[in-house]
C-alpha atoms as a PDB file:
ATOM      1  CA  MET A   1     188.611 -70.665  92.544  1.00  0.00           C
ATOM      2  CA  TRP A   2     189.077 -74.593  92.738  1.00  0.00           C
ATOM      3  CA  ARG A   3     185.418 -76.478  92.980  1.00  0.00           C
ATOM      4  CA  VAL A   4     184.948 -80.062  93.388  1.00  0.00           C
ATOM      5  CA  LEU A   5     181.529 -81.952  92.646  1.00  0.00           C
ATOM      6  CA  ARG A   6     181.908 -85.094  94.853  1.00  0.00           C
ATOM      7  CA  CYS A   7     179.008 -87.849  93.941  1.00  0.00           C
ATOM      8  CA  CYS A   8     178.726 -90.601  96.982  1.00  0.00           C
ATOM      9  CA  LEU A   9     177.252 -93.662  94.866  1.00  0.00           C
ATOM     10  CA  CYS A  10     176.187 -96.043  97.736  1.00  0.00           C
ATOM     11  CA  MET A  11     175.156 -99.444  96.408  1.00  0.00           C
ATOM     12  CA  LYS A  12     173.033-101.611  98.979  1.00  0.00           C
ATOM     13  CA  HIS A  13     173.182-105.437  98.745  1.00  0.00           C
ATOM     14  CA  ALA A  14     174.000-107.920 101.195  1.00  0.00           C
ATOM     15  CA  THR A  15     176.848-109.142 102.778  1.00  0.00           C
ATOM     16  CA  LEU A  16     176.352-112.874 101.914  1.00  0.00           C
ATOM     17  CA  SER A  17     180.527-113.739 101.809  1.00  0.00           C
ATOM     18  CA  THR A  18     183.343-111.997 101.022  1.00  0.00           C
ATOM     19  CA  GLN A  19     183.586-113.518  97.520  1.00  0.00           C
ATOM     20  CA  ILE A  20     179.730-112.399  96.906  1.00  0.00           C
ATOM     21  CA  THR A  21     180.683-108.827  98.045  1.00  0.00           C
ATOM     22  CA  ASN A  22     183.808-108.800  95.840  1.00  0.00           C
ATOM     23  CA  LEU A  23     182.093-109.699  93.150  1.00  0.00           C
ATOM     24  CA  HIS A  24     179.488-106.736  93.725  1.00  0.00           C
ATOM     25  CA  ASP A  25     181.856-104.468  93.779  1.00  0.00           C
ATOM     26  CA  ALA A  26     184.161-105.740  90.959  1.00  0.00           C
ATOM     27  CA  PHE A  27     180.842-105.408  88.784  1.00  0.00           C
ATOM     28  CA  PHE A  28     179.747-102.225  89.632  1.00  0.00           C
ATOM     29  CA  LYS A  29     183.581-100.824  89.569  1.00  0.00           C
ATOM     30  CA  GLN A  30     183.600-101.658  86.013  1.00  0.00           C
ATOM     31  CA  VAL A  31     180.550-100.274  85.142  1.00  0.00           C
ATOM     32  CA  LEU A  32     180.814 -97.375  86.518  1.00  0.00           C
ATOM     33  CA  GLY A  33     184.651 -97.016  86.309  1.00  0.00           C
ATOM     34  CA  ASP A  34     183.661 -96.719  82.823  1.00  0.00           C
ATOM     35  CA  PRO A  35     183.734 -92.456  81.768  1.00  0.00           C
ATOM     36  CA  GLU A  36     181.450 -92.644  79.238  1.00  0.00           C
ATOM     37  CA  LEU A  37     178.923 -94.726  81.358  1.00  0.00           C
ATOM     38  CA  ALA A  38     179.712 -92.868  84.612  1.00  0.00           C
ATOM     39  CA  GLY A  39     178.797 -89.483  82.915  1.00  0.00           C
ATOM     40  CA  ARG A  40     175.645 -90.939  81.535  1.00  0.00           C
ATOM     41  CA  PHE A  41     174.794 -92.080  84.941  1.00  0.00           C
ATOM     42  CA  LEU A  42     175.916 -88.526  86.551  1.00  0.00           C
ATOM     43  CA  ARG A  43     173.488 -86.569  84.047  1.00  0.00           C
ATOM     44  CA  GLU A  44     170.616 -89.049  84.459  1.00  0.00           C
ATOM     45  CA  HIS A  45     170.275 -89.389  87.939  1.00  0.00           C
ATOM     46  CA  LEU A  46     171.573 -85.924  89.555  1.00  0.00           C
ATOM     47  CA  PRO A  47     169.279 -83.097  89.967  1.00  0.00           C
ATOM     48  CA  ALA A  48     168.871 -81.295  86.507  1.00  0.00           C
ATOM     49  CA  ALA A  49     169.955 -77.799  88.234  1.00  0.00           C
ATOM     50  CA  VAL A  50     173.596 -79.489  89.346  1.00  0.00           C
ATOM     51  CA  VAL A  51     173.469 -81.159  85.719  1.00  0.00           C
ATOM     52  CA  GLU A  52     173.326 -77.690  84.048  1.00  0.00           C
ATOM     53  CA  GLN A  53     176.262 -76.774  86.094  1.00  0.00           C
ATOM     54  CA  LEU A  54     178.802 -79.398  84.337  1.00  0.00           C
ATOM     55  CA  GLY A  55     180.142 -79.222  81.202  1.00  0.00           C
ATOM     56  CA  PRO A  56     180.442 -81.671  78.024  1.00  0.00           C
ATOM     57  CA  GLU A  57     183.213 -83.331  78.639  1.00  0.00           C
ATOM     58  CA  MET A  58     183.476 -87.331  79.903  1.00  0.00           C
ATOM     59  CA  PRO A  59     184.810 -87.324  83.625  1.00  0.00           C
ATOM     60  CA  GLU A  60     188.488 -88.347  83.765  1.00  0.00           C
ATOM     61  CA  PRO A  61     189.020 -91.087  86.350  1.00  0.00           C
ATOM     62  CA  LEU A  62     191.267 -90.484  88.737  1.00  0.00           C
ATOM     63  CA  PRO A  63     193.571 -92.821  91.600  1.00  0.00           C
ATOM     64  CA  ALA A  64     192.477 -91.843  94.783  1.00  0.00           C
ATOM     65  CA  SER A  65     190.395 -93.420  97.690  1.00  0.00           C
ATOM     66  CA  PHE A  66     188.901 -92.246 101.008  1.00  0.00           C
ATOM     67  CA  VAL A  67     187.814 -95.710 102.530  1.00  0.00           C
ATOM     68  CA  ASP A  68     189.009 -96.599 105.873  1.00  0.00           C
ATOM     69  CA  GLU A  69     191.007-100.157 105.395  1.00  0.00           C
ATOM     70  CA  GLU A  70     189.018-101.804 108.518  1.00  0.00           C
ATOM     71  CA  LEU A  71     185.682-100.994 106.262  1.00  0.00           C
ATOM     72  CA  ARG A  72     186.820-101.729 102.679  1.00  0.00           C
ATOM     73  CA  GLN A  73     184.688-104.851 102.702  1.00  0.00           C
ATOM     74  CA  HIS A  74     181.849-102.694 103.147  1.00  0.00           C
ATOM     75  CA  HIS A  75     182.686 -99.620 100.974  1.00  0.00           C
ATOM     76  CA  SER A  76     184.289 -98.565  97.712  1.00  0.00           C
ATOM     77  CA  ASP A  77     184.751 -95.881  95.943  1.00  0.00           C
ATOM     78  CA  LEU A  78     185.828 -94.265  92.640  1.00  0.00           C
ATOM     79  CA  LEU A  79     187.110 -90.397  91.822  1.00  0.00           C
ATOM     80  CA  PHE A  80     186.872 -88.667  88.390  1.00  0.00           C
ATOM     81  CA  ARG A  81     187.905 -85.062  87.431  1.00  0.00           C
ATOM     82  CA  LEU A  82     185.073 -83.570  85.862  1.00  0.00           C
ATOM     83  CA  ARG A  83     184.568 -79.945  83.899  1.00  0.00           C
ATOM     84  CA  LEU A  84     182.151 -77.354  85.003  1.00  0.00           C
ATOM     85  CA  LYS A  85     180.447 -75.240  82.446  1.00  0.00           C
ATOM     86  CA  ALA A  86     181.374 -71.791  84.051  1.00  0.00           C
ATOM     87  CA  GLY A  87     185.365 -73.040  84.209  1.00  0.00           C
ATOM     88  CA  GLY A  88     187.514 -74.934  86.111  1.00  0.00           C
ATOM     89  CA  ASP A  89     187.726 -78.453  87.437  1.00  0.00           C
ATOM     90  CA  ALA A  90     185.642 -80.965  89.360  1.00  0.00           C
ATOM     91  CA  PHE A  91     185.256 -83.930  91.015  1.00  0.00           C
ATOM     92  CA  ALA A  92     182.725 -86.542  90.897  1.00  0.00           C
ATOM     93  CA  TYR A  93     183.253 -89.147  94.029  1.00  0.00           C
ATOM     94  CA  LEU A  94     181.535 -92.557  93.606  1.00  0.00           C
ATOM     95  CA  LEU A  95     180.937 -94.531  97.234  1.00  0.00           C
ATOM     96  CA  LEU A  96     180.108 -98.272  96.702  1.00  0.00           C
ATOM     97  CA  GLU A  97     178.522 -99.400  99.793  1.00  0.00           C
ATOM     98  CA  HIS A  98     177.784-103.480 100.754  1.00  0.00           C
ATOM     99  CA  LYS A  99     175.096-103.447 103.236  1.00  0.00           C
ATOM    100  CA  SER A 100     171.958-105.741 103.098  1.00  0.00           C
ATOM    101  CA  SER A 101     169.251-103.407 104.359  1.00  0.00           C
ATOM    102  CA  CYS A 102     168.486 -99.216 104.314  1.00  0.00           C
ATOM    103  CA  ASP A 103     171.200 -97.731 107.063  1.00  0.00           C
ATOM    104  CA  ASP A 104     170.424 -94.541 108.611  1.00  0.00           C
ATOM    105  CA  GLY A 105     174.456 -94.502 109.541  1.00  0.00           C
ATOM    106  CA  THR A 106     174.524 -94.144 105.921  1.00  0.00           C
ATOM    107  CA  ARG A 107     174.820 -90.100 106.172  1.00  0.00           C
ATOM    108  CA  LEU A 108     177.406 -90.553 108.438  1.00  0.00           C
ATOM    109  CA  GLN A 109     179.718 -92.282 106.682  1.00  0.00           C
ATOM    110  CA  LEU A 110     178.709 -89.711 103.666  1.00  0.00           C
ATOM    111  CA  LEU A 111     180.171 -86.725 106.122  1.00  0.00           C
ATOM    112  CA  ARG A 112     182.838 -89.280 107.317  1.00  0.00           C
ATOM    113  CA  TYR A 113     184.422 -89.348 103.290  1.00  0.00           C
ATOM    114  CA  VAL A 114     183.396 -85.653 102.199  1.00  0.00           C
ATOM    115  CA  VAL A 115     185.435 -84.640 105.171  1.00  0.00           C
ATOM    116  CA  ARG A 116     188.293 -86.559 104.353  1.00  0.00           C
ATOM    117  CA  LEU A 117     188.035 -85.742 100.749  1.00  0.00           C
ATOM    118  CA  LEU A 118     187.797 -81.892 101.556  1.00  0.00           C
ATOM    119  CA  THR A 119     190.745 -81.956 103.972  1.00  0.00           C
ATOM    120  CA  THR A 120     192.948 -83.613 101.498  1.00  0.00           C
ATOM    121  CA  LEU A 121     192.011 -81.085  98.644  1.00  0.00           C
ATOM    122  CA  TYR A 122     192.729 -78.035 101.315  1.00  0.00           C
ATOM    123  CA  GLU A 123     195.949 -79.506 102.236  1.00  0.00           C
ATOM    124  CA  GLN A 124     196.540 -79.922  98.364  1.00  0.00           C
ATOM    125  CA  ASN A 125     195.477 -76.356  97.632  1.00  0.00           C
ATOM    126  CA  GLY A 126     197.786 -75.111 100.257  1.00  0.00           C
ATOM    127  CA  GLY A 127     195.498 -74.424 102.769  1.00  0.00           C
ATOM    128  CA  THR A 128     193.400 -71.652 100.960  1.00  0.00           C
ATOM    129  CA  LEU A 129     189.765 -71.347 100.910  1.00  0.00           C
ATOM    130  CA  PRO A 130     187.001 -71.207  99.812  1.00  0.00           C
ATOM    131  CA  LEU A 131     186.254 -75.078 100.033  1.00  0.00           C
ATOM    132  CA  PRO A 132     184.605 -76.772  96.911  1.00  0.00           C
ATOM    133  CA  PRO A 133     180.961 -77.796  97.248  1.00  0.00           C
ATOM    134  CA  VAL A 134     179.783 -81.300  97.599  1.00  0.00           C
ATOM    135  CA  VAL A 135     177.116 -83.017  96.049  1.00  0.00           C
ATOM    136  CA  SER A 136     175.973 -86.400  97.222  1.00  0.00           C
ATOM    137  CA  VAL A 137     174.061 -89.093  95.553  1.00  0.00           C
ATOM    138  CA  VAL A 138     173.266 -92.424  97.066  1.00  0.00           C
ATOM    139  CA  ALA A 139     172.744 -95.070  94.766  1.00  0.00           C
ATOM    140  CA  HIS A 140     170.358 -98.220  96.200  1.00  0.00           C
ATOM    141  CA  GLN A 141     170.527-101.827  94.687  1.00  0.00           C
ATOM    142  CA  GLY A 142     167.940-103.406  96.874  1.00  0.00           C
ATOM    143  CA  PRO A 143     166.335-105.680  96.793  1.00  0.00           C
ATOM    144  CA  GLY A 144     163.597-103.788  98.996  1.00  0.00           C
ATOM    145  CA  GLU A 145     163.099 -99.665  98.720  1.00  0.00           C
ATOM    146  CA  TRP A 146     164.596 -97.383 100.476  1.00  0.00           C
ATOM    147  CA  THR A 147     162.920 -95.641 103.605  1.00  0.00           C
ATOM    148  CA  ALA A 148     165.785 -93.786 105.047  1.00  0.00           C
ATOM    149  CA  SER A 149     165.782 -89.688 104.984  1.00  0.00           C
ATOM    150  CA  CYS A 150     167.845 -88.298 102.167  1.00  0.00           C
ATOM    151  CA  GLU A 151     168.698 -84.850 105.184  1.00  0.00           C
ATOM    152  CA  PHE A 152     171.568 -85.259 107.397  1.00  0.00           C
ATOM    153  CA  ALA A 153     169.583 -83.341 110.193  1.00  0.00           C
ATOM    154  CA  ASP A 154     166.945 -85.670 110.562  1.00  0.00           C
ATOM    155  CA  LEU A 155     169.475 -87.755 112.499  1.00  0.00           C
ATOM    156  CA  PHE A 156     169.394 -85.444 115.352  1.00  0.00           C
ATOM    157  CA  GLY A 157     165.581 -85.982 115.660  1.00  0.00           C
ATOM    158  CA  ASP A 158     163.428 -82.860 117.006  1.00  0.00           C
ATOM    159  CA  VAL A 159     165.479 -79.745 117.487  1.00  0.00           C
ATOM    160  CA  SER A 160     164.362 -76.623 118.662  1.00  0.00           C
ATOM    161  CA  PRO A 161     165.009 -73.620 115.771  1.00  0.00           C
ATOM    162  CA  THR A 162     167.681 -71.865 118.230  1.00  0.00           C
ATOM    163  CA  LEU A 163     169.957 -75.225 117.892  1.00  0.00           C
ATOM    164  CA  ARG A 164     169.305 -75.864 114.269  1.00  0.00           C
ATOM    165  CA  PRO A 165     171.646 -73.771 112.879  1.00  0.00           C
ATOM    166  CA  TYR A 166     174.668 -74.975 114.361  1.00  0.00           C
ATOM    167  CA  LEU A 167     173.726 -78.558 113.742  1.00  0.00           C
ATOM    168  CA  PRO A 168     175.739 -79.983 110.649  1.00  0.00           C
ATOM    169  CA  SER A 169     173.262 -80.059 107.738  1.00  0.00           C
ATOM    170  CA  PHE A 170     173.377 -81.706 103.866  1.00  0.00           C
ATOM    171  CA  ARG A 171     171.341 -83.792 102.205  1.00  0.00           C
ATOM    172  CA  HIS A 172     172.185 -86.391  99.482  1.00  0.00           C
ATOM    173  CA  SER A 173     170.175 -87.432  96.291  1.00  0.00           C
ATOM    174  CA  LEU A 174     168.616 -91.076  95.559  1.00  0.00           C
ATOM    175  CA  VAL A 175     169.051 -93.110  93.293  1.00  0.00           C
ATOM    176  CA  ASP A 176     166.790 -95.854  94.362  1.00  0.00           C
ATOM    177  CA  LEU A 177     167.005 -98.807  91.691  1.00  0.00           C
ATOM    178  CA  PRO A 178     163.917-100.920  92.973  1.00  0.00           C
ATOM    179  CA  ALA A 179     161.779 -97.960  92.757  1.00  0.00           C
ATOM    180  CA  ILE A 180     162.898 -97.020  89.303  1.00  0.00           C
ATOM    181  CA  ALA A 181     161.136 -98.911  86.458  1.00  0.00           C
ATOM    182  CA  ASP A 182     163.386-100.588  83.990  1.00  0.00           C
ATOM    183  CA  GLU A 183     162.954 -98.158  81.063  1.00  0.00           C
ATOM    184  CA  ASN A 184     163.849 -95.354  83.425  1.00  0.00           C
ATOM    185  CA  LEU A 185     167.138 -96.971  84.229  1.00  0.00           C
ATOM    186  CA  SER A 186     169.138 -94.980  81.193  1.00  0.00           C
ATOM    187  CA  THR A 187     168.280 -93.912  77.968  1.00  0.00           C
ATOM    188  CA  MET A 188     171.309 -95.704  76.612  1.00  0.00           C
ATOM    189  CA  ALA A 189     170.755 -99.596  76.332  1.00  0.00           C
ATOM    190  CA  ARG A 190     174.457-100.289  77.480  1.00  0.00           C
ATOM    191  CA  LEU A 191     174.051 -98.513  81.079  1.00  0.00           C
ATOM    192  CA  ARG A 192     170.662 -99.810  81.092  1.00  0.00           C
ATOM    193  CA  ALA A 193     171.308-103.142  80.783  1.00  0.00           C
ATOM    194  CA  LEU A 194     174.088-103.417  83.315  1.00  0.00           C
ATOM    195  CA  LEU A 195     171.771-101.325  85.535  1.00  0.00           C
ATOM    196  CA  LYS A 196     169.169-104.087  85.649  1.00  0.00           C
ATOM    197  CA  ALA A 197     171.324-106.457  86.299  1.00  0.00           C
ATOM    198  CA  LEU A 198     172.280-104.538  89.709  1.00  0.00           C
ATOM    199  CA  LYS A 199     168.880-104.148  90.065  1.00  0.00           C
ATOM    200  CA  TYR A 200     167.673-107.541  89.598  1.00  0.00           C
ATOM    201  CA  ALA A 201     170.847-109.646  90.817  1.00  0.00           C
ATOM    202  CA  ARG A 202     169.751-110.084  94.574  1.00  0.00           C
ATOM    203  CA  ARG A 203     165.826-110.673  93.311  1.00  0.00           C
ATOM    204  CA  PRO A 204     164.837-114.632  94.723  1.00  0.00           C
ATOM    205  CA  GLU A 205     162.899-113.943  91.500  1.00  0.00           C
ATOM    206  CA  SER A 206     165.826-112.861  89.334  1.00  0.00           C
ATOM    207  CA  PRO A 207     165.969-116.177  87.221  1.00  0.00           C
ATOM    208  CA  GLU A 208     162.352-115.674  86.142  1.00  0.00           C
ATOM    209  CA  ARG A 209     163.184-112.086  85.167  1.00  0.00           C
ATOM    210  CA  LEU A 210     166.094-112.842  83.488  1.00  0.00           C
ATOM    211  CA  ASP A 211     164.286-112.199  79.790  1.00  0.00           C
ATOM    212  CA  ILE A 212     163.808-108.993  81.248  1.00  0.00           C
ATOM    213  CA  ILE A 213     167.425-108.346  82.150  1.00  0.00           C
ATOM    214  CA  LEU A 214     168.886-109.592  78.732  1.00  0.00           C
ATOM    215  CA  ALA A 215     166.569-107.579  76.436  1.00  0.00           C
ATOM    216  CA  GLU A 216     169.410-105.405  75.310  1.00  0.00           C
ATOM    217  CA  ALA A 217     171.196-108.178  74.747  1.00  0.00           C
ATOM    218  CA  GLY A 218     171.515-107.942  70.953  1.00  0.00           C
ATOM    219  CA  LEU A 219     172.479-104.360  71.251  1.00  0.00           C
ATOM    220  CA  LEU A 220     175.621-105.122  73.563  1.00  0.00           C
ATOM    221  CA  GLU A 221     179.260-105.549  72.639  1.00  0.00           C
ATOM    222  CA  ARG A 222     180.899-109.047  73.152  1.00  0.00           C
ATOM    223  CA  ARG A 223     182.454-107.250  76.621  1.00  0.00           C
ATOM    224  CA  ASP A 224     179.717-105.846  78.017  1.00  0.00           C
ATOM    225  CA  LEU A 225     177.507-109.048  77.288  1.00  0.00           C
ATOM    226  CA  LEU A 226     180.130-111.304  79.033  1.00  0.00           C
ATOM    227  CA  LEU A 227     180.523-109.230  81.475  1.00  0.00           C
ATOM    228  CA  LEU A 228     177.111-109.095  82.379  1.00  0.00           C
ATOM    229  CA  LEU A 229     176.287-113.058  81.753  1.00  0.00           C
ATOM    230  CA  THR A 230     179.710-113.825  84.259  1.00  0.00           C
ATOM    231  CA  TYR A 231     177.839-111.790  87.044  1.00  0.00           C
ATOM    232  CA  LEU A 232     174.799-113.230  86.958  1.00  0.00           C
ATOM    233  CA  ASP A 233     176.040-116.614  86.661  1.00  0.00           C
ATOM    234  CA  LYS A 234     178.428-115.836  89.652  1.00  0.00           C
ATOM    235  CA  GLY A 235     175.940-113.871  92.144  1.00  0.00           C
ATOM    236  CA  PRO A 236     173.597-114.663  94.965  1.00  0.00           C
ATOM    237  CA  VAL A 237     170.957-116.192  92.946  1.00  0.00           C
ATOM    238  CA  ALA A 238     171.777-119.662  91.150  1.00  0.00           C
ATOM    239  CA  VAL A 239     170.620-118.936  87.158  1.00  0.00           C
ATOM    240  CA  SER A 240     170.612-122.226  85.309  1.00  0.00           C
ATOM    241  CA  ARG A 241     172.593-122.379  81.754  1.00  0.00           C
ATOM    242  CA  GLU A 242     169.600-123.711  80.350  1.00  0.00           C
ATOM    243  CA  MET A 243     167.826-120.630  81.341  1.00  0.00           C
ATOM    244  CA  MET A 244     170.484-118.716  79.970  1.00  0.00           C
ATOM    245  CA  HIS A 245     170.509-120.907  76.522  1.00  0.00           C
ATOM    246  CA  GLN A 246     166.742-120.594  76.324  1.00  0.00           C
ATOM    247  CA  VAL A 247     166.568-116.257  76.634  1.00  0.00           C
ATOM    248  CA  LEU A 248     169.572-115.786  74.606  1.00  0.00           C
ATOM    249  CA  ARG A 249     167.951-118.169  72.232  1.00  0.00           C
ATOM    250  CA  ARG A 250     164.666-115.867  72.080  1.00  0.00           C
ATOM    251  CA  ARG A 251     166.758-112.711  72.082  1.00  0.00           C
ATOM    252  CA  VAL A 252     169.527-113.138  69.948  1.00  0.00           C
ATOM    253  CA  PRO A 253     168.773-116.197  68.004  1.00  0.00           C
ATOM    254  CA  ASP A 254     171.553-115.650  65.154  1.00  0.00           C
ATOM    255  CA  ARG A 255     174.497-115.281  68.218  1.00  0.00           C
ATOM    256  CA  GLU A 256     173.332-117.625  70.364  1.00  0.00           C
ATOM    257  CA  GLU A 257     175.803-120.398  69.778  1.00  0.00           C
ATOM    258  CA  GLN A 258     178.596-117.993  69.964  1.00  0.00           C
ATOM    259  CA  ILE A 259     177.418-116.254  72.559  1.00  0.00           C
ATOM    260  CA  MET A 260     177.230-119.233  75.074  1.00  0.00           C
ATOM    261  CA  GLY A 261     180.563-120.282  73.551  1.00  0.00           C
ATOM    262  CA  TRP A 262     182.607-117.210  74.793  1.00  0.00           C
ATOM    263  CA  ILE A 263     180.607-118.238  78.148  1.00  0.00           C
ATOM    264  CA  THR A 264     181.620-121.868  78.323  1.00  0.00           C
ATOM    265  CA  GLN A 265     185.195-121.243  77.828  1.00  0.00           C
ATOM    266  CA  PRO A 266     186.178-119.511  80.693  1.00  0.00           C
ATOM    267  CA  TYR A 267     182.840-120.323  83.227  1.00  0.00           C
ATOM    268  CA  PHE A 268     181.149-123.281  81.804  1.00  0.00           C
ATOM    269  CA  GLU A 269     183.350-125.844  81.825  1.00  0.00           C
ATOM    270  CA  GLU A 270     181.249-129.217  82.745  1.00  0.00           C
ATOM    271  CA  GLY A 271     179.872-129.962  79.131  1.00  0.00           C
ATOM    272  CA  LEU A 272     183.500-129.537  77.322  1.00  0.00           C
ATOM    273  CA  GLU A 273     184.574-131.988  80.483  1.00  0.00           C
ATOM    274  CA  GLN A 274     181.852-134.408  79.914  1.00  0.00           C
ATOM    275  CA  GLY A 275     182.625-134.634  76.246  1.00  0.00           C
ATOM    276  CA  ARG A 276     186.435-134.884  76.531  1.00  0.00           C
ATOM    277  CA  ALA A 277     185.470-138.175  79.113  1.00  0.00           C
ATOM    278  CA  ALA A 278     183.524-139.526  76.548  1.00  0.00           C
ATOM    279  CA  GLY A 279     186.334-141.150  74.641  1.00  0.00           C
ATOM    280  CA  HIS A 280     187.426-138.926  71.809  1.00  0.00           C
ATOM    281  CA  ALA A 281     190.825-140.016  69.897  1.00  0.00           C
ATOM    282  CA  ALA A 282     193.666-138.724  71.488  1.00  0.00           C
ATOM    283  CA  GLY A 283     194.436-136.351  68.388  1.00  0.00           C
ATOM    284  CA  HIS A 284     191.250-134.386  68.251  1.00  0.00           C
ATOM    285  CA  ALA A 285     191.435-134.092  72.224  1.00  0.00           C
ATOM    286  CA  GLU A 286     195.043-132.570  71.981  1.00  0.00           C
ATOM    287  CA  GLY A 287     193.618-129.717  68.947  1.00  0.00           C
ATOM    288  CA  HIS A 288     190.471-129.249  71.106  1.00  0.00           C
ATOM    289  CA  ALA A 289     192.604-128.462  74.316  1.00  0.00           C
ATOM    290  CA  VAL A 290     195.000-126.652  72.329  1.00  0.00           C
ATOM    291  CA  GLY A 291     191.898-124.544  71.088  1.00  0.00           C
ATOM    292  CA  ARG A 292     190.141-124.085  74.322  1.00  0.00           C
ATOM    293  CA  ALA A 293     193.531-122.804  75.774  1.00  0.00           C
ATOM    294  CA  GLU A 294     193.278-120.108  73.059  1.00  0.00           C
ATOM    295  CA  GLY A 295     189.928-118.995  73.569  1.00  0.00           C
ATOM    296  CA  GLN A 296     190.095-118.950  77.658  1.00  0.00           C
ATOM    297  CA  ALA A 297     193.400-116.638  77.107  1.00  0.00           C
ATOM    298  CA  LYS A 298     191.712-114.218  74.958  1.00  0.00           C
ATOM    299  CA  SER A 299     188.883-114.083  77.631  1.00  0.00           C
ATOM    300  CA  LEU A 300     191.553-113.586  80.193  1.00  0.00           C
ATOM    301  CA  VAL A 301     192.930-110.694  78.500  1.00  0.00           C
ATOM    302  CA  ARG A 302     189.364-109.210  78.245  1.00  0.00           C
ATOM    303  CA  LEU A 303     188.419-108.885  81.777  1.00  0.00           C
ATOM    304  CA  LEU A 304     191.903-108.407  82.547  1.00  0.00           C
ATOM    305  CA  GLU A 305     192.350-105.167  80.369  1.00  0.00           C
ATOM    306  CA  ARG A 306     188.583-104.320  81.274  1.00  0.00           C
ATOM    307  CA  ARG A 307     189.650-104.359  84.997  1.00  0.00           C
ATOM    308  CA  PHE A 308     192.982-103.090  85.246  1.00  0.00           C
ATOM    309  CA  GLY A 309     193.409-101.435  81.623  1.00  0.00           C
ATOM    310  CA  ALA A 310     196.174-102.093  79.099  1.00  0.00           C
ATOM    311  CA  LEU A 311     198.081-105.171  79.461  1.00  0.00           C
ATOM    312  CA  PRO A 312     202.206-105.022  79.712  1.00  0.00           C
ATOM    313  CA  GLU A 313     203.402-107.212  76.856  1.00  0.00           C
ATOM    314  CA  PRO A 314     205.204-109.831  79.232  1.00  0.00           C
ATOM    315  CA  ILE A 315     201.756-110.448  80.973  1.00  0.00           C
ATOM    316  CA  ARG A 316     200.016-110.817  77.603  1.00  0.00           C
ATOM    317  CA  ALA A 317     202.660-113.333  76.561  1.00  0.00           C
ATOM    318  CA  GLN A 318     202.575-114.962  79.968  1.00  0.00           C
ATOM    319  CA  VAL A 319     198.935-115.352  79.177  1.00  0.00           C
ATOM    320  CA  PHE A 320     198.471-117.110  75.958  1.00  0.00           C
ATOM    321  CA  SER A 321     201.592-119.276  76.738  1.00  0.00           C
ATOM    322  CA  ALA A 322     199.598-120.855  79.785  1.00  0.00           C
ATOM    323  CA  ASP A 323     198.076-123.908  80.232  1.00  0.00           C
ATOM    324  CA  VAL A 324     194.375-124.925  80.670  1.00  0.00           C
ATOM    325  CA  GLN A 325     194.436-125.209  84.503  1.00  0.00           C
ATOM    326  CA  THR A 326     196.520-122.324  85.497  1.00  0.00           C
ATOM    327  CA  LEU A 327     194.247-120.255  83.007  1.00  0.00           C
ATOM    328  CA  ASP A 328     191.111-122.050  85.001  1.00  0.00           C
ATOM    329  CA  ALA A 329     192.868-120.490  88.343  1.00  0.00           C
ATOM    330  CA  TRP A 330     193.566-117.136  86.900  1.00  0.00           C
ATOM    331  CA  LEU A 331     190.347-116.515  85.343  1.00  0.00           C
ATOM    332  CA  ASP A 332     188.734-117.643  89.021  1.00  0.00           C
ATOM    333  CA  ARG A 333     190.698-114.661  90.456  1.00  0.00           C
ATOM    334  CA  VAL A 334     189.753-112.015  87.738  1.00  0.00           C
ATOM    335  CA  PHE A 335     186.667-110.735  89.788  1.00  0.00           C
ATOM    336  CA  ASP A 336     188.224-110.976  93.267  1.00  0.00           C
ATOM    337  CA  ALA A 337     191.669-109.133  92.322  1.00  0.00           C
ATOM    338  CA  LYS A 338     192.603-105.554  93.829  1.00  0.00           C
ATOM    339  CA  ASP A 339     195.070-105.120  91.474  1.00  0.00           C
ATOM    340  CA  LEU A 340     196.851-107.059  88.308  1.00  0.00           C
ATOM    341  CA  GLN A 341     199.838-108.575  90.488  1.00  0.00           C
ATOM    342  CA  ALA A 342     197.195-110.359  92.521  1.00  0.00           C
ATOM    343  CA  VAL A 343     196.019-112.512  89.237  1.00  0.00           C
ATOM    344  CA  PHE A 344     199.313-113.741  88.795  1.00  0.00           C
ATOM    345  CA  ALA A 345     201.172-113.828  92.343  1.00  0.00           C
ATOM    346  CA  GLU A 346     198.905-116.283  94.272  1.00  0.00           C
ATOM    347  CA  PRO A 347     200.504-120.214  94.299  1.00  0.00           C
ATOM    348  CA  LEU A 348     198.960-121.853  91.014  1.00  0.00           C
ATOM    349  CA  PRO A 349     197.025-125.477  91.593  1.00  0.00           C
ATOM    350  CA  VAL A 350     199.818-128.126  91.313  1.00  0.00           C
ATOM    351  CA  GLN A 351     199.892-130.000  87.918  1.00  0.00           C
ATOM    352  CA  THR A 352     198.952-133.618  88.203  1.00  0.00           C
END
């Protein structure tokens, strides 16, 4: 029997603008698009009885989407193949939902995508039964706590016992990030740090919580720390560079200058521009520009590979041969681009 485990992860956050929505979408996909992090998230937040059915293998990412085209501003999804302990394949379907508040209609959206997924699998399996079982998980970013019911049948209100057996019925698990203590978000420092960024990113007090958000900074690899800091820097609540300096100085005093150097190249240009305007010698300025371009190119390659996988050699060559202005334009597109082509296909700034 071809069985499927489907997990819908619905992140609730403000649709402040398409750019902010895409930023949350890109960050969430980079976090749970990682098989190791997705596997840990599912095992730590699915009901224990469900986790008991899973095999030890990590999820396998699959290229599939079941979201309506007109709803892609609000919804995005990820699909993974899993193995069940008893044998056979399973699938984890992760749905990211961009909304500003708790929504009773989420259960209707889950039902629509579940039916679409099951219909696709039914057709691929030659129209044979049984259909696969489905497990849904709603993950809520906040900032407020989740208040809607997890039972689909509650959408119908008070229904007589005679009619209730004829109603569609399922329940979803809930991962309500605002209601979960930071230390309980994950036992893995890497996942815990990234989930904390999601938990606090839309809160007005997030700058004051920066020390809490970056508590695991000393344990993170460069790519994860750069991803986290970039998400906070470009997010809806402003976090000053000076505050980042202060927190990193406390959390990673031996790496603070190095880390801020990573960030400075692609995202924090003010200091460099001011320094160049102060009157450096021409030769020194030229060498500085070359070094800065190389640093930006390396940062761009890491972000591209993080989002889209290994880069073709011609793309790498194009990146490392580009000038600073061109690299700036590409870096600005990384988080909003739907695919690799979108990063490079749009017109570049006119050189002056």
